[in-house]
Each structure stands twice: as structure tokens, then as C-alpha cells.
Protein backbone atom coordinates (compact mmCIF):
# COMPACT_ATOMS: atom_id res chain seq x y z
CA UNK A 1 0.13 0.06 0.01
CA UNK A 2 1.25 3.70 -0.52
CA UNK A 3 1.08 6.23 2.12
CA UNK A 4 1.41 9.78 1.84
CA UNK A 5 3.05 11.39 5.34
CA UNK A 6 2.33 15.17 5.42
CA UNK A 7 4.20 17.25 8.16
CA UNK A 8 2.52 20.26 9.57
CA UNK A 9 3.38 22.98 12.15
CA UNK A 10 1.34 25.65 14.28
CA UNK A 11 4.52 27.62 14.72
CA UNK A 12 6.36 29.96 12.23
CA UNK A 13 8.21 28.00 9.50
CA UNK A 14 11.85 27.94 10.13
CA UNK A 15 14.72 25.92 8.68
CA UNK A 16 15.72 22.62 10.20
CA UNK A 17 18.62 22.15 12.07
CA UNK A 18 21.66 21.07 10.31
CA UNK A 19 21.76 17.67 12.65
CA UNK A 20 17.98 17.16 11.82
CA UNK A 21 19.10 17.47 8.20
CA UNK A 22 21.67 15.09 8.49
CA UNK A 23 19.64 12.55 10.35
CA UNK A 24 16.42 12.58 7.82
CA UNK A 25 19.14 12.08 4.99
CA UNK A 26 20.35 9.40 6.66
CA UNK A 27 16.80 8.06 7.13
CA UNK A 28 15.76 9.16 3.30
CA UNK A 29 18.91 7.27 2.29
CA UNK A 30 17.92 3.94 3.78
CA UNK A 31 14.24 3.76 2.82
CA UNK A 32 15.39 4.57 -0.75
CA UNK A 33 17.74 1.77 -0.77
CA UNK A 34 14.81 -0.70 0.82
CA UNK A 35 12.87 0.58 -2.01
CA UNK A 36 10.03 2.00 0.41
CA UNK A 37 10.60 5.40 -0.13
CA UNK A 38 8.96 6.76 -3.48
CA UNK A 39 9.24 10.43 -3.17
CA UNK A 40 9.83 13.33 -0.59
CA UNK A 41 10.25 16.74 -0.44
CA UNK A 42 10.42 19.85 1.76
CA UNK A 43 8.30 22.85 1.12
CA UNK A 44 9.31 26.38 0.10
CA UNK A 45 7.72 29.25 2.81
CA UNK A 46 4.50 30.39 2.52
CA UNK A 47 5.33 33.90 1.07
CA UNK A 48 6.56 32.08 -2.06
CA UNK A 49 3.12 30.33 -2.26
CA UNK A 50 -0.38 30.87 -3.74
CA UNK A 51 -3.62 29.57 -3.08
CA UNK A 52 -6.53 28.96 -5.57
CA UNK A 53 -9.68 28.72 -4.21
CA UNK A 54 -13.60 28.74 -5.22
CA UNK A 55 -15.63 31.44 -3.56
CA UNK A 56 -19.17 32.27 -4.45
CA UNK A 57 -18.74 30.14 -7.65
CA UNK A 58 -15.75 32.43 -8.81
CA UNK A 59 -11.80 31.10 -8.80
CA UNK A 60 -9.75 33.10 -6.61
CA UNK A 61 -5.80 33.36 -6.22
CA UNK A 62 -4.19 34.72 -3.23
CA UNK A 63 -0.41 35.15 -3.14
CA UNK A 64 1.42 33.82 0.15
CA UNK A 65 1.87 34.84 2.99
CA UNK A 66 -1.42 33.77 4.49
CA UNK A 67 -2.62 35.54 7.22
CA UNK A 68 -5.41 33.13 8.21
CA UNK A 69 -2.79 29.90 8.02
CA UNK A 70 -3.22 28.05 11.22
CA UNK A 71 -0.90 25.17 10.51
CA UNK A 72 2.00 25.28 7.44
CA UNK A 73 2.63 22.07 5.66
CA UNK A 74 6.55 21.62 5.95
CA UNK A 75 6.96 18.39 3.89
CA UNK A 76 5.66 15.38 2.58
CA UNK A 77 6.76 11.78 1.49
CA UNK A 78 5.43 9.08 -0.20
CA UNK A 79 6.17 5.59 0.89
CA UNK A 80 5.32 1.83 -0.35
CA UNK A 81 4.55 -0.42 2.85
CA UNK A 82 2.93 -3.68 3.38
CA UNK A 83 0.23 -1.91 6.11
CA UNK A 84 -0.71 0.73 8.31
CA UNK A 85 1.33 -0.48 11.07
CA UNK A 86 4.53 -0.18 9.02
CA UNK A 87 3.75 3.02 8.00
CA UNK A 88 2.63 4.31 11.20
CA UNK A 89 6.24 3.18 12.54
CA UNK A 90 8.03 4.93 9.70
CA UNK A 91 6.00 8.05 10.78
CA UNK A 92 6.92 7.74 14.61
CA UNK A 93 10.49 7.36 13.59
CA UNK A 94 10.67 10.48 11.67
CA UNK A 95 8.91 12.57 14.37
CA UNK A 96 11.41 11.34 16.83
CA UNK A 97 14.11 12.62 14.49
CA UNK A 98 12.37 16.10 15.40
CA UNK A 99 12.33 15.75 18.99
CA UNK A 100 15.99 14.46 19.06
CA UNK A 101 17.25 17.37 16.85
CA UNK A 102 15.12 20.22 16.96
CA UNK A 103 13.99 21.25 20.70
CA UNK A 104 11.04 23.20 21.01
CA UNK A 105 9.64 22.22 17.91
CA UNK A 106 6.20 21.08 17.72
CA UNK A 107 4.24 19.35 15.18
CA UNK A 108 2.09 16.66 13.44
CA UNK A 109 2.68 13.92 10.63
CA UNK A 110 -0.51 13.03 9.19
CA UNK A 111 -0.51 9.69 7.52
CA UNK A 112 -2.91 8.87 4.78
CA UNK A 113 -2.85 5.77 2.53
CA UNK A 114 -3.16 6.44 -1.07
CA UNK A 115 -6.38 5.01 -3.00
CA UNK A 116 -5.39 3.15 -6.03
CA UNK A 117 -2.16 1.71 -4.53
CA UNK A 118 -3.16 -1.27 -3.09
CA UNK A 119 -5.89 0.30 -1.34
CA UNK A 120 -9.13 -0.08 -3.60
CA UNK A 121 -11.94 2.73 -2.60
CA UNK A 122 -13.33 5.98 -3.79
CA UNK A 123 -13.77 9.14 -1.81
CA UNK A 124 -17.46 7.77 -1.39
CA UNK A 125 -16.67 4.83 0.09
CA UNK A 126 -15.05 6.32 3.44
CA UNK A 127 -17.34 9.03 5.37
CA UNK A 128 -15.14 11.81 6.69
CA UNK A 129 -16.35 14.23 9.21
CA UNK A 130 -15.64 16.68 6.73
CA UNK A 131 -17.92 15.69 4.48
CA UNK A 132 -20.72 13.92 6.75
């Protein structure tokens, strides 16, 4: 099954410490060699982004930074794992690197299975609180 990990933080975005970058690099190298990591990347600051939304039946483009942003997506990774338990173990290991190498940082690693990659479902098969 394919999983996406999305890392968010309510804190202002700041660059990872050199020690965290080194630890994440080693983890990524290990996972790529094992054939489990499909893709990964960090995202640029909100100031460099844009949002395209639909409001009142019209498209709206807003350039960053986004004043109303409560959480900032800092990066993502896509993995191929046997099951959710294996994916969860990786997410915990990744977040432990932040605890070890970036004191004071707070954030979340959201883990989601990707439909169509060993998980046969459609959006309508699972009721989401946001769409219930």
C-alpha cells in the first residue's frame, strides 16, 4: 500500500537544524535503498506560495503569505509499505528525529493511505467528518 506523510506545524516556519537535515538524509537514504520511499520533499515558505480557491462560484487566487494559516505544511513523503502498522512505525521514527534534533519544535505527521495503490476505494466509500 502506498502512504503519504504530511508534516505540519502551528509554529512559524523555520529551517531544520543541520543535525536534523543529516538525520533525515540518512533515514531517506535507508528507505530509498530498501525500495520503500517513493518521493519526498520540503516545501518553500508561505511567502513564495499561492492559493487557488472557489468562493461564490468564482476562482480566486491569493498570493502568500496567508495570514489565516493556522498550520503550515512543511513537507511530505510517499512510501510503499505492507500495511498501516509499518507506515505508522516510519512516521513515529521520523517525528522522533524532530524531538532529538530540533528542541522546542512542535508539529504533526499526518499519515494517509493513497487510493488506487493497493487500496481499492473511492472517496465515497469512507465517510469523512468534513463531508458527513
